[in-house]
Amino acid sequence: MPSVLLIGYDPADLPNSEDVLTRLEKEATRFAEHSIDVTMTMVMPNDSAESAVLGSLAEGPWDVIIVGGGLRTKAELLPLFEQVVNLIRRHSPQVAVAFNESIESSVETAKRWLP
């Protein structure tokens, strides 16, 4: 079964965190319906981000790593986005890296890079 790591911004401090968590749960269900194992790692711009990403990368092997839009679309998170991408590049260079348009497009994003 293909395996996907989805790295996203932790919604814990967002005003709509419950909505985001519900959307993530629905997308996890969609991954299962498509026979794709998914692990979701949520990070924040603090000292725990690097260890969280490295821990998740070590759980592989991964077929695809998706970096979520929450990390890419906010200018103030650009350093965190760069950190995540560079950790992937250094520690999992053989894995396809993909970028979703929204939480709800994550399955399709992964499938673009799966055999």
PDB file of N, CA and C in Angstrom:
ATOM      1  N   MET A   1       0.851  -1.177   0.000  1.00  0.00           N
ATOM      2  CA  MET A   1       0.000   0.000   0.000  1.00  0.00           C
ATOM      3  C   MET A   1       0.896   1.239   0.000  1.00  0.00           C
ATOM      4  N   PRO A   2       0.610   2.199  -0.850  1.00  0.00           N
ATOM      5  CA  PRO A   2       1.409   3.436  -0.874  1.00  0.00           C
ATOM      6  C   PRO A   2       1.314   4.184   0.457  1.00  0.00           C
ATOM      7  N   SER A   3       2.386   4.895   0.757  1.00  0.00           N
ATOM      8  CA  SER A   3       2.408   5.661   2.005  1.00  0.00           C
ATOM      9  C   SER A   3       2.713   7.123   1.722  1.00  0.00           C
ATOM     10  N   VAL A   4       1.960   7.982   2.403  1.00  0.00           N
ATOM     11  CA  VAL A   4       2.064   9.428   2.210  1.00  0.00           C
ATOM     12  C   VAL A   4       2.253  10.098   3.566  1.00  0.00           C
ATOM     13  N   LEU A   5       3.177  11.026   3.612  1.00  0.00           N
ATOM     14  CA  LEU A   5       3.349  11.887   4.782  1.00  0.00           C
ATOM     15  C   LEU A   5       2.836  13.264   4.399  1.00  0.00           C
ATOM     16  N   LEU A   6       1.900  13.765   5.170  1.00  0.00           N
ATOM     17  CA  LEU A   6       1.360  15.112   4.962  1.00  0.00           C
ATOM     18  C   LEU A   6       1.855  15.988   6.101  1.00  0.00           C
ATOM     19  N   ILE A   7       2.635  17.006   5.769  1.00  0.00           N
ATOM     20  CA  ILE A   7       3.155  17.932   6.774  1.00  0.00           C
ATOM     21  C   ILE A   7       2.399  19.243   6.621  1.00  0.00           C
ATOM     22  N   GLY A   8       1.756  19.671   7.687  1.00  0.00           N
ATOM     23  CA  GLY A   8       0.953  20.881   7.614  1.00  0.00           C
ATOM     24  C   GLY A   8       1.128  21.763   8.840  1.00  0.00           C
ATOM     25  N   TYR A   9       0.509  22.907   8.767  1.00  0.00           N
ATOM     26  CA  TYR A   9       0.531  23.852   9.882  1.00  0.00           C
ATOM     27  C   TYR A   9      -0.444  23.382  10.949  1.00  0.00           C
ATOM     28  N   ASP A  10       0.008  23.347  12.183  1.00  0.00           N
ATOM     29  CA  ASP A  10      -0.828  22.906  13.295  1.00  0.00           C
ATOM     30  C   ASP A  10      -1.961  23.907  13.523  1.00  0.00           C
ATOM     31  N   PRO A  11      -3.207  23.462  13.384  1.00  0.00           N
ATOM     32  CA  PRO A  11      -4.329  24.391  13.512  1.00  0.00           C
ATOM     33  C   PRO A  11      -4.678  24.753  14.958  1.00  0.00           C
ATOM     34  N   ALA A  12      -3.916  24.261  15.916  1.00  0.00           N
ATOM     35  CA  ALA A  12      -4.271  24.450  17.331  1.00  0.00           C
ATOM     36  C   ALA A  12      -4.496  25.910  17.713  1.00  0.00           C
ATOM     37  N   ASP A  13      -3.745  26.821  17.123  1.00  0.00           N
ATOM     38  CA  ASP A  13      -3.893  28.227  17.508  1.00  0.00           C
ATOM     39  C   ASP A  13      -4.730  29.038  16.515  1.00  0.00           C
ATOM     40  N   LEU A  14      -5.404  28.358  15.612  1.00  0.00           N
ATOM     41  CA  LEU A  14      -6.263  29.052  14.649  1.00  0.00           C
ATOM     42  C   LEU A  14      -7.671  29.220  15.215  1.00  0.00           C
ATOM     43  N   PRO A  15      -8.347  30.295  14.869  1.00  0.00           N
ATOM     44  CA  PRO A  15      -9.708  30.496  15.375  1.00  0.00           C
ATOM     45  C   PRO A  15     -10.692  29.437  14.862  1.00  0.00           C
ATOM     46  N   ASN A  16     -10.382  28.835  13.717  1.00  0.00           N
ATOM     47  CA  ASN A  16     -11.265  27.815  13.149  1.00  0.00           C
ATOM     48  C   ASN A  16     -10.643  26.421  13.266  1.00  0.00           C
ATOM     49  N   SER A  17      -9.932  26.167  14.346  1.00  0.00           N
ATOM     50  CA  SER A  17      -9.185  24.916  14.489  1.00  0.00           C
ATOM     51  C   SER A  17     -10.081  23.682  14.384  1.00  0.00           C
ATOM     52  N   GLU A  18     -11.279  23.742  14.946  1.00  0.00           N
ATOM     53  CA  GLU A  18     -12.186  22.584  14.876  1.00  0.00           C
ATOM     54  C   GLU A  18     -12.549  22.276  13.423  1.00  0.00           C
ATOM     55  N   ASP A  19     -12.809  23.308  12.645  1.00  0.00           N
ATOM     56  CA  ASP A  19     -13.131  23.123  11.230  1.00  0.00           C
ATOM     57  C   ASP A  19     -11.960  22.493  10.492  1.00  0.00           C
ATOM     58  N   VAL A  20     -10.765  22.982  10.729  1.00  0.00           N
ATOM     59  CA  VAL A  20      -9.587  22.448  10.058  1.00  0.00           C
ATOM     60  C   VAL A  20      -9.377  20.995  10.460  1.00  0.00           C
ATOM     61  N   LEU A  21      -9.508  20.675  11.723  1.00  0.00           N
ATOM     62  CA  LEU A  21      -9.346  19.293  12.175  1.00  0.00           C
ATOM     63  C   LEU A  21     -10.381  18.368  11.548  1.00  0.00           C
ATOM     64  N   THR A  22     -11.614  18.832  11.434  1.00  0.00           N
ATOM     65  CA  THR A  22     -12.668  18.043  10.790  1.00  0.00           C
ATOM     66  C   THR A  22     -12.317  17.790   9.328  1.00  0.00           C
ATOM     67  N   ARG A  23     -11.834  18.800   8.646  1.00  0.00           N
ATOM     68  CA  ARG A  23     -11.447  18.648   7.237  1.00  0.00           C
ATOM     69  C   ARG A  23     -10.280  17.674   7.094  1.00  0.00           C
ATOM     70  N   LEU A  24      -9.320  17.727   8.014  1.00  0.00           N
ATOM     71  CA  LEU A  24      -8.192  16.788   7.988  1.00  0.00           C
ATOM     72  C   LEU A  24      -8.668  15.352   8.207  1.00  0.00           C
ATOM     73  N   GLU A  25      -9.594  15.173   9.137  1.00  0.00           N
ATOM     74  CA  GLU A  25     -10.140  13.837   9.394  1.00  0.00           C
ATOM     75  C   GLU A  25     -10.868  13.293   8.169  1.00  0.00           C
ATOM     76  N   LYS A  26     -11.638  14.141   7.502  1.00  0.00           N
ATOM     77  CA  LYS A  26     -12.341  13.712   6.288  1.00  0.00           C
ATOM     78  C   LYS A  26     -11.351  13.314   5.198  1.00  0.00           C
ATOM     79  N   GLU A  27     -10.277  14.069   5.076  1.00  0.00           N
ATOM     80  CA  GLU A  27      -9.293  13.730   4.043  1.00  0.00           C
ATOM     81  C   GLU A  27      -8.563  12.442   4.402  1.00  0.00           C
ATOM     82  N   ALA A  28      -8.299  12.209   5.676  1.00  0.00           N
ATOM     83  CA  ALA A  28      -7.694  10.938   6.095  1.00  0.00           C
ATOM     84  C   ALA A  28      -8.594   9.766   5.707  1.00  0.00           C
ATOM     85  N   THR A  29      -9.898   9.943   5.857  1.00  0.00           N
ATOM     86  CA  THR A  29     -10.853   8.917   5.445  1.00  0.00           C
ATOM     87  C   THR A  29     -10.774   8.686   3.940  1.00  0.00           C
ATOM     88  N   ARG A  30     -10.665   9.763   3.170  1.00  0.00           N
ATOM     89  CA  ARG A  30     -10.541   9.634   1.715  1.00  0.00           C
ATOM     90  C   ARG A  30      -9.268   8.886   1.326  1.00  0.00           C
ATOM     91  N   PHE A  31      -8.161   9.137   2.033  1.00  0.00           N
ATOM     92  CA  PHE A  31      -6.931   8.388   1.752  1.00  0.00           C
ATOM     93  C   PHE A  31      -7.188   6.893   1.942  1.00  0.00           C
ATOM     94  N   ALA A  32      -7.826   6.537   3.035  1.00  0.00           N
ATOM     95  CA  ALA A  32      -8.124   5.121   3.304  1.00  0.00           C
ATOM     96  C   ALA A  32      -9.011   4.530   2.207  1.00  0.00           C
ATOM     97  N   GLU A  33      -9.981   5.294   1.749  1.00  0.00           N
ATOM     98  CA  GLU A  33     -10.864   4.825   0.672  1.00  0.00           C
ATOM     99  C   GLU A  33     -10.111   4.576  -0.627  1.00  0.00           C
ATOM    100  N   HIS A  34      -8.982   5.252  -0.799  1.00  0.00           N
ATOM    101  CA  HIS A  34      -8.150   5.070  -1.991  1.00  0.00           C
ATOM    102  C   HIS A  34      -6.982   4.118  -1.725  1.00  0.00           C
ATOM    103  N   SER A  35      -7.049   3.409  -0.606  1.00  0.00           N
ATOM    104  CA  SER A  35      -6.015   2.432  -0.224  1.00  0.00           C
ATOM    105  C   SER A  35      -4.624   3.066  -0.163  1.00  0.00           C
ATOM    106  N   ILE A  36      -4.557   4.231   0.448  1.00  0.00           N
ATOM    107  CA  ILE A  36      -3.296   4.933   0.664  1.00  0.00           C
ATOM    108  C   ILE A  36      -3.148   5.175   2.162  1.00  0.00           C
ATOM    109  N   ASP A  37      -2.020   4.729   2.710  1.00  0.00           N
ATOM    110  CA  ASP A  37      -1.724   5.029   4.116  1.00  0.00           C
ATOM    111  C   ASP A  37      -1.257   6.471   4.208  1.00  0.00           C
ATOM    112  N   VAL A  38      -1.791   7.214   5.167  1.00  0.00           N
ATOM    113  CA  VAL A  38      -1.363   8.594   5.356  1.00  0.00           C
ATOM    114  C   VAL A  38      -1.022   8.822   6.823  1.00  0.00           C
ATOM    115  N   THR A  39       0.039   9.565   7.020  1.00  0.00           N
ATOM    116  CA  THR A  39       0.419  10.050   8.340  1.00  0.00           C
ATOM    117  C   THR A  39       0.446  11.565   8.242  1.00  0.00           C
ATOM    118  N   MET A  40      -0.179  12.213   9.202  1.00  0.00           N
ATOM    119  CA  MET A  40      -0.221  13.675   9.199  1.00  0.00           C
ATOM    120  C   MET A  40       0.607  14.207  10.353  1.00  0.00           C
ATOM    121  N   THR A  41       1.527  15.082  10.028  1.00  0.00           N
ATOM    122  CA  THR A  41       2.366  15.731  11.024  1.00  0.00           C
ATOM    123  C   THR A  41       2.091  17.225  10.956  1.00  0.00           C
ATOM    124  N   MET A  42       1.658  17.774  12.074  1.00  0.00           N
ATOM    125  CA  MET A  42       1.348  19.195  12.136  1.00  0.00           C
ATOM    126  C   MET A  42       2.450  19.910  12.911  1.00  0.00           C
ATOM    127  N   VAL A  43       2.925  21.021  12.350  1.00  0.00           N
ATOM    128  CA  VAL A  43       4.034  21.752  12.958  1.00  0.00           C
ATOM    129  C   VAL A  43       3.664  23.215  13.184  1.00  0.00           C
ATOM    130  N   MET A  44       4.418  23.814  14.086  1.00  0.00           N
ATOM    131  CA  MET A  44       4.274  25.240  14.380  1.00  0.00           C
ATOM    132  C   MET A  44       5.657  25.872  14.293  1.00  0.00           C
ATOM    133  N   PRO A  45       5.707  27.181  14.114  1.00  0.00           N
ATOM    134  CA  PRO A  45       7.016  27.842  14.004  1.00  0.00           C
ATOM    135  C   PRO A  45       7.677  27.998  15.370  1.00  0.00           C
ATOM    136  N   ASN A  46       8.142  26.881  15.902  1.00  0.00           N
ATOM    137  CA  ASN A  46       8.851  26.918  17.179  1.00  0.00           C
ATOM    138  C   ASN A  46       9.917  25.822  17.166  1.00  0.00           C
ATOM    139  N   ASP A  47      10.555  25.621  18.289  1.00  0.00           N
ATOM    140  CA  ASP A  47      11.670  24.678  18.358  1.00  0.00           C
ATOM    141  C   ASP A  47      11.266  23.225  18.146  1.00  0.00           C
ATOM    142  N   SER A  48       9.979  22.909  18.215  1.00  0.00           N
ATOM    143  CA  SER A  48       9.550  21.521  18.057  1.00  0.00           C
ATOM    144  C   SER A  48       9.393  21.099  16.598  1.00  0.00           C
ATOM    145  N   ALA A  49       9.383  22.042  15.677  1.00  0.00           N
ATOM    146  CA  ALA A  49       9.121  21.720  14.268  1.00  0.00           C
ATOM    147  C   ALA A  49      10.159  20.758  13.695  1.00  0.00           C
ATOM    148  N   GLU A  50      11.419  21.052  13.908  1.00  0.00           N
ATOM    149  CA  GLU A  50      12.462  20.203  13.328  1.00  0.00           C
ATOM    150  C   GLU A  50      12.372  18.773  13.834  1.00  0.00           C
ATOM    151  N   SER A  51      12.234  18.587  15.129  1.00  0.00           N
ATOM    152  CA  SER A  51      12.166  17.226  15.662  1.00  0.00           C
ATOM    153  C   SER A  51      10.900  16.499  15.200  1.00  0.00           C
ATOM    154  N   ALA A  52       9.793  17.224  15.065  1.00  0.00           N
ATOM    155  CA  ALA A  52       8.559  16.601  14.583  1.00  0.00           C
ATOM    156  C   ALA A  52       8.725  16.118  13.150  1.00  0.00           C
ATOM    157  N   VAL A  53       9.300  16.950  12.295  1.00  0.00           N
ATOM    158  CA  VAL A  53       9.499  16.576  10.895  1.00  0.00           C
ATOM    159  C   VAL A  53      10.503  15.423  10.792  1.00  0.00           C
ATOM    160  N   LEU A  54      11.614  15.531  11.486  1.00  0.00           N
ATOM    161  CA  LEU A  54      12.619  14.463  11.427  1.00  0.00           C
ATOM    162  C   LEU A  54      12.059  13.142  11.948  1.00  0.00           C
ATOM    163  N   GLY A  55      11.278  13.199  13.011  1.00  0.00           N
ATOM    164  CA  GLY A  55      10.660  11.986  13.537  1.00  0.00           C
ATOM    165  C   GLY A  55       9.731  11.339  12.521  1.00  0.00           C
ATOM    166  N   SER A  56       8.951  12.153  11.841  1.00  0.00           N
ATOM    167  CA  SER A  56       8.028  11.632  10.831  1.00  0.00           C
ATOM    168  C   SER A  56       8.777  11.093   9.614  1.00  0.00           C
ATOM    169  N   LEU A  57       9.811  11.786   9.188  1.00  0.00           N
ATOM    170  CA  LEU A  57      10.594  11.296   8.050  1.00  0.00           C
ATOM    171  C   LEU A  57      11.201   9.938   8.354  1.00  0.00           C
ATOM    172  N   ALA A  58      11.639   9.746   9.605  1.00  0.00           N
ATOM    173  CA  ALA A  58      12.251   8.480  10.005  1.00  0.00           C
ATOM    174  C   ALA A  58      11.246   7.332  10.052  1.00  0.00           C
ATOM    175  N   GLU A  59       9.963   7.638  10.145  1.00  0.00           N
ATOM    176  CA  GLU A  59       8.936   6.594  10.184  1.00  0.00           C
ATOM    177  C   GLU A  59       8.695   5.972   8.814  1.00  0.00           C
ATOM    178  N   GLY A  60       9.270   6.549   7.758  1.00  0.00           N
ATOM    179  CA  GLY A  60       9.053   6.070   6.390  1.00  0.00           C
ATOM    180  C   GLY A  60       9.431   4.617   6.230  1.00  0.00           C
ATOM    181  N   PRO A  61       9.517   4.109   5.035  1.00  0.00           N
ATOM    182  CA  PRO A  61       9.683   4.877   3.816  1.00  0.00           C
ATOM    183  C   PRO A  61       8.370   5.474   3.313  1.00  0.00           C
ATOM    184  N   TRP A  62       8.483   6.634   2.726  1.00  0.00           N
ATOM    185  CA  TRP A  62       7.343   7.343   2.164  1.00  0.00           C
ATOM    186  C   TRP A  62       7.421   7.301   0.653  1.00  0.00           C
ATOM    187  N   ASP A  63       6.265   7.221   0.019  1.00  0.00           N
ATOM    188  CA  ASP A  63       6.208   7.308  -1.437  1.00  0.00           C
ATOM    189  C   ASP A  63       6.067   8.759  -1.883  1.00  0.00           C
ATOM    190  N   VAL A  64       5.350   9.546  -1.082  1.00  0.00           N
ATOM    191  CA  VAL A  64       5.130  10.961  -1.386  1.00  0.00           C
ATOM    192  C   VAL A  64       5.085  11.727  -0.071  1.00  0.00           C
ATOM    193  N   ILE A  65       5.660  12.914  -0.067  1.00  0.00           N
ATOM    194  CA  ILE A  65       5.529  13.826   1.069  1.00  0.00           C
ATOM    195  C   ILE A  65       4.826  15.072   0.556  1.00  0.00           C
ATOM    196  N   ILE A  66       3.684  15.384   1.157  1.00  0.00           N
ATOM    197  CA  ILE A  66       2.922  16.571   0.783  1.00  0.00           C
ATOM    198  C   ILE A  66       3.179  17.658   1.819  1.00  0.00           C
ATOM    199  N   VAL A  67       3.521  18.843   1.356  1.00  0.00           N
ATOM    200  CA  VAL A  67       3.654  19.998   2.242  1.00  0.00           C
ATOM    201  C   VAL A  67       2.399  20.840   2.035  1.00  0.00           C
ATOM    202  N   GLY A  68       1.641  21.014   3.103  1.00  0.00           N
ATOM    203  CA  GLY A  68       0.342  21.670   3.023  1.00  0.00           C
ATOM    204  C   GLY A  68       0.399  23.170   2.800  1.00  0.00           C
ATOM    205  N   GLY A  69      -0.702  23.666   2.270  1.00  0.00           N
ATOM    206  CA  GLY A  69      -0.827  25.084   1.946  1.00  0.00           C
ATOM    207  C   GLY A  69      -0.734  26.011   3.139  1.00  0.00           C
ATOM    208  N   GLY A  70      -1.093  25.534   4.319  1.00  0.00           N
ATOM    209  CA  GLY A  70      -1.001  26.371   5.505  1.00  0.00           C
ATOM    210  C   GLY A  70       0.421  26.840   5.771  1.00  0.00           C
ATOM    211  N   LEU A  71       1.392  26.042   5.344  1.00  0.00           N
ATOM    212  CA  LEU A  71       2.794  26.431   5.507  1.00  0.00           C
ATOM    213  C   LEU A  71       3.288  27.327   4.378  1.00  0.00           C
ATOM    214  N   ARG A  72       2.646  27.236   3.223  1.00  0.00           N
ATOM    215  CA  ARG A  72       3.150  27.929   2.037  1.00  0.00           C
ATOM    216  C   ARG A  72       2.499  29.272   1.776  1.00  0.00           C
ATOM    217  N   THR A  73       1.320  29.503   2.300  1.00  0.00           N
ATOM    218  CA  THR A  73       0.541  30.654   1.853  1.00  0.00           C
ATOM    219  C   THR A  73       0.610  31.871   2.761  1.00  0.00           C
ATOM    220  N   LYS A  74       1.247  31.752   3.884  1.00  0.00           N
ATOM    221  CA  LYS A  74       1.357  32.889   4.802  1.00  0.00           C
ATOM    222  C   LYS A  74       2.813  33.362   4.847  1.00  0.00           C
ATOM    223  N   ALA A  75       3.022  34.612   4.524  1.00  0.00           N
ATOM    224  CA  ALA A  75       4.381  35.157   4.466  1.00  0.00           C
ATOM    225  C   ALA A  75       5.135  34.966   5.775  1.00  0.00           C
ATOM    226  N   GLU A  76       4.444  35.088   6.893  1.00  0.00           N
ATOM    227  CA  GLU A  76       5.125  34.960   8.186  1.00  0.00           C
ATOM    228  C   GLU A  76       5.595  33.529   8.464  1.00  0.00           C
ATOM    229  N   LEU A  77       5.087  32.552   7.696  1.00  0.00           N
ATOM    230  CA  LEU A  77       5.502  31.161   7.871  1.00  0.00           C
ATOM    231  C   LEU A  77       6.558  30.731   6.863  1.00  0.00           C
ATOM    232  N   LEU A  78       7.019  31.649   6.029  1.00  0.00           N
ATOM    233  CA  LEU A  78       8.015  31.307   5.021  1.00  0.00           C
ATOM    234  C   LEU A  78       9.255  30.633   5.622  1.00  0.00           C
ATOM    235  N   PRO A  79       9.825  31.106   6.731  1.00  0.00           N
ATOM    236  CA  PRO A  79      10.980  30.404   7.307  1.00  0.00           C
ATOM    237  C   PRO A  79      10.651  28.958   7.708  1.00  0.00           C
ATOM    238  N   LEU A  80       9.454  28.724   8.230  1.00  0.00           N
ATOM    239  CA  LEU A  80       9.056  27.363   8.590  1.00  0.00           C
ATOM    240  C   LEU A  80       8.912  26.499   7.338  1.00  0.00           C
ATOM    241  N   PHE A  81       8.305  27.034   6.305  1.00  0.00           N
ATOM    242  CA  PHE A  81       8.169  26.316   5.044  1.00  0.00           C
ATOM    243  C   PHE A  81       9.546  25.933   4.500  1.00  0.00           C
ATOM    244  N   GLU A  82      10.475  26.878   4.488  1.00  0.00           N
ATOM    245  CA  GLU A  82      11.828  26.604   4.014  1.00  0.00           C
ATOM    246  C   GLU A  82      12.498  25.523   4.856  1.00  0.00           C
ATOM    247  N   GLN A  83      12.315  25.594   6.165  1.00  0.00           N
ATOM    248  CA  GLN A  83      12.896  24.598   7.058  1.00  0.00           C
ATOM    249  C   GLN A  83      12.366  23.201   6.726  1.00  0.00           C
ATOM    250  N   VAL A  84      11.062  23.091   6.548  1.00  0.00           N
ATOM    251  CA  VAL A  84      10.446  21.794   6.241  1.00  0.00           C
ATOM    252  C   VAL A  84      10.972  21.251   4.916  1.00  0.00           C
ATOM    253  N   VAL A  85      10.973  22.072   3.887  1.00  0.00           N
ATOM    254  CA  VAL A  85      11.432  21.622   2.564  1.00  0.00           C
ATOM    255  C   VAL A  85      12.899  21.191   2.629  1.00  0.00           C
ATOM    256  N   ASN A  86      13.725  21.934   3.321  1.00  0.00           N
ATOM    257  CA  ASN A  86      15.141  21.574   3.403  1.00  0.00           C
ATOM    258  C   ASN A  86      15.384  20.326   4.247  1.00  0.00           C
ATOM    259  N   LEU A  87      14.580  20.104   5.262  1.00  0.00           N
ATOM    260  CA  LEU A  87      14.687  18.856   6.021  1.00  0.00           C
ATOM    261  C   LEU A  87      14.323  17.664   5.139  1.00  0.00           C
ATOM    262  N   ILE A  88      13.278  17.812   4.350  1.00  0.00           N
ATOM    263  CA  ILE A  88      12.889  16.743   3.429  1.00  0.00           C
ATOM    264  C   ILE A  88      14.015  16.489   2.425  1.00  0.00           C
ATOM    265  N   ARG A  89      14.524  17.565   1.855  1.00  0.00           N
ATOM    266  CA  ARG A  89      15.578  17.442   0.843  1.00  0.00           C
ATOM    267  C   ARG A  89      16.814  16.732   1.399  1.00  0.00           C
ATOM    268  N   ARG A  90      17.185  17.059   2.637  1.00  0.00           N
ATOM    269  CA  ARG A  90      18.390  16.473   3.243  1.00  0.00           C
ATOM    270  C   ARG A  90      18.183  15.040   3.716  1.00  0.00           C
ATOM    271  N   HIS A  91      17.011  14.761   4.271  1.00  0.00           N
ATOM    272  CA  HIS A  91      16.813  13.471   4.941  1.00  0.00           C
ATOM    273  C   HIS A  91      15.983  12.462   4.153  1.00  0.00           C
ATOM    274  N   SER A  92      15.305  12.890   3.108  1.00  0.00           N
ATOM    275  CA  SER A  92      14.517  11.983   2.265  1.00  0.00           C
ATOM    276  C   SER A  92      14.589  12.424   0.806  1.00  0.00           C
ATOM    277  N   PRO A  93      15.801  12.539   0.262  1.00  0.00           N
ATOM    278  CA  PRO A  93      15.937  13.083  -1.092  1.00  0.00           C
ATOM    279  C   PRO A  93      15.311  12.222  -2.186  1.00  0.00           C
ATOM    280  N   GLN A  94      15.081  10.944  -1.896  1.00  0.00           N
ATOM    281  CA  GLN A  94      14.525  10.043  -2.892  1.00  0.00           C
ATOM    282  C   GLN A  94      13.001  10.122  -2.999  1.00  0.00           C
ATOM    283  N   VAL A  95      12.359  10.841  -2.097  1.00  0.00           N
ATOM    284  CA  VAL A  95      10.901  10.872  -2.035  1.00  0.00           C
ATOM    285  C   VAL A  95      10.354  12.048  -2.848  1.00  0.00           C
ATOM    286  N   ALA A  96       9.277  11.791  -3.589  1.00  0.00           N
ATOM    287  CA  ALA A  96       8.602  12.863  -4.319  1.00  0.00           C
ATOM    288  C   ALA A  96       7.982  13.837  -3.322  1.00  0.00           C
ATOM    289  N   VAL A  97       8.143  15.124  -3.572  1.00  0.00           N
ATOM    290  CA  VAL A  97       7.547  16.170  -2.748  1.00  0.00           C
ATOM    291  C   VAL A  97       6.446  16.820  -3.565  1.00  0.00           C
ATOM    292  N   ALA A  98       5.281  16.994  -2.940  1.00  0.00           N
ATOM    293  CA  ALA A  98       4.134  17.559  -3.642  1.00  0.00           C
ATOM    294  C   ALA A  98       3.497  18.645  -2.786  1.00  0.00           C
ATOM    295  N   PHE A  99       2.687  19.475  -3.435  1.00  0.00           N
ATOM    296  CA  PHE A  99       2.039  20.593  -2.758  1.00  0.00           C
ATOM    297  C   PHE A  99       0.561  20.580  -3.117  1.00  0.00           C
ATOM    298  N   ASN A 100      -0.278  20.529  -2.085  1.00  0.00           N
ATOM    299  CA  ASN A 100      -1.721  20.499  -2.338  1.00  0.00           C
ATOM    300  C   ASN A 100      -2.277  21.910  -2.510  1.00  0.00           C
ATOM    301  N   GLU A 101      -3.457  21.980  -3.115  1.00  0.00           N
ATOM    302  CA  GLU A 101      -4.152  23.269  -3.262  1.00  0.00           C
ATOM    303  C   GLU A 101      -5.006  23.571  -2.044  1.00  0.00           C
ATOM    304  N   SER A 102      -5.471  22.512  -1.394  1.00  0.00           N
ATOM    305  CA  SER A 102      -6.295  22.626  -0.194  1.00  0.00           C
ATOM    306  C   SER A 102      -6.232  21.294   0.525  1.00  0.00           C
ATOM    307  N   ILE A 103      -6.740  21.250   1.733  1.00  0.00           N
ATOM    308  CA  ILE A 103      -6.796  19.985   2.458  1.00  0.00           C
ATOM    309  C   ILE A 103      -7.524  18.945   1.621  1.00  0.00           C
ATOM    310  N   GLU A 104      -8.631  19.362   1.022  1.00  0.00           N
ATOM    311  CA  GLU A 104      -9.493  18.453   0.280  1.00  0.00           C
ATOM    312  C   GLU A 104      -8.891  17.954  -1.036  1.00  0.00           C
ATOM    313  N   SER A 105      -7.775  18.496  -1.449  1.00  0.00           N
ATOM    314  CA  SER A 105      -7.129  18.025  -2.677  1.00  0.00           C
ATOM    315  C   SER A 105      -5.915  17.148  -2.395  1.00  0.00           C
ATOM    316  N   SER A 106      -5.714  16.762  -1.154  1.00  0.00           N
ATOM    317  CA  SER A 106      -4.504  16.023  -0.783  1.00  0.00           C
ATOM    318  C   SER A 106      -4.423  14.642  -1.423  1.00  0.00           C
ATOM    319  N   VAL A 107      -5.537  13.936  -1.507  1.00  0.00           N
ATOM    320  CA  VAL A 107      -5.521  12.613  -2.141  1.00  0.00           C
ATOM    321  C   VAL A 107      -5.092  12.743  -3.598  1.00  0.00           C
ATOM    322  N   GLU A 108      -5.690  13.665  -4.317  1.00  0.00           N
ATOM    323  CA  GLU A 108      -5.354  13.858  -5.728  1.00  0.00           C
ATOM    324  C   GLU A 108      -3.894  14.309  -5.883  1.00  0.00           C
ATOM    325  N   THR A 109      -3.429  15.120  -4.959  1.00  0.00           N
ATOM    326  CA  THR A 109      -2.039  15.564  -4.981  1.00  0.00           C
ATOM    327  C   THR A 109      -1.112  14.362  -4.856  1.00  0.00           C
ATOM    328  N   ALA A 110      -1.385  13.491  -3.915  1.00  0.00           N
ATOM    329  CA  ALA A 110      -0.558  12.298  -3.728  1.00  0.00           C
ATOM    330  C   ALA A 110      -0.602  11.407  -4.964  1.00  0.00           C
ATOM    331  N   LYS A 111      -1.776  11.226  -5.529  1.00  0.00           N
ATOM    332  CA  LYS A 111      -1.938  10.326  -6.670  1.00  0.00           C
ATOM    333  C   LYS A 111      -1.170  10.807  -7.901  1.00  0.00           C
ATOM    334  N   ARG A 112      -0.901  12.099  -7.992  1.00  0.00           N
ATOM    335  CA  ARG A 112      -0.094  12.597  -9.115  1.00  0.00           C
ATOM    336  C   ARG A 112       1.299  11.973  -9.114  1.00  0.00           C
ATOM    337  N   TRP A 113       1.788  11.597  -7.922  1.00  0.00           N
ATOM    338  CA  TRP A 113       3.153  11.123  -7.782  1.00  0.00           C
ATOM    339  C   TRP A 113       3.255   9.641  -7.445  1.00  0.00           C
ATOM    340  N   LEU A 114       2.122   8.987  -7.295  1.00  0.00           N
ATOM    341  CA  LEU A 114       2.139   7.546  -7.007  1.00  0.00           C
ATOM    342  C   LEU A 114       2.128   6.754  -8.308  1.00  0.00           C
ATOM    343  N   PRO A 115       2.813   5.625  -8.321  1.00  0.00           N
ATOM    344  CA  PRO A 115       2.825   4.795  -9.541  1.00  0.00           C
ATOM    345  C   PRO A 115       1.445   4.230  -9.852  1.00  0.00           C
TER     346      PRO A 115
END
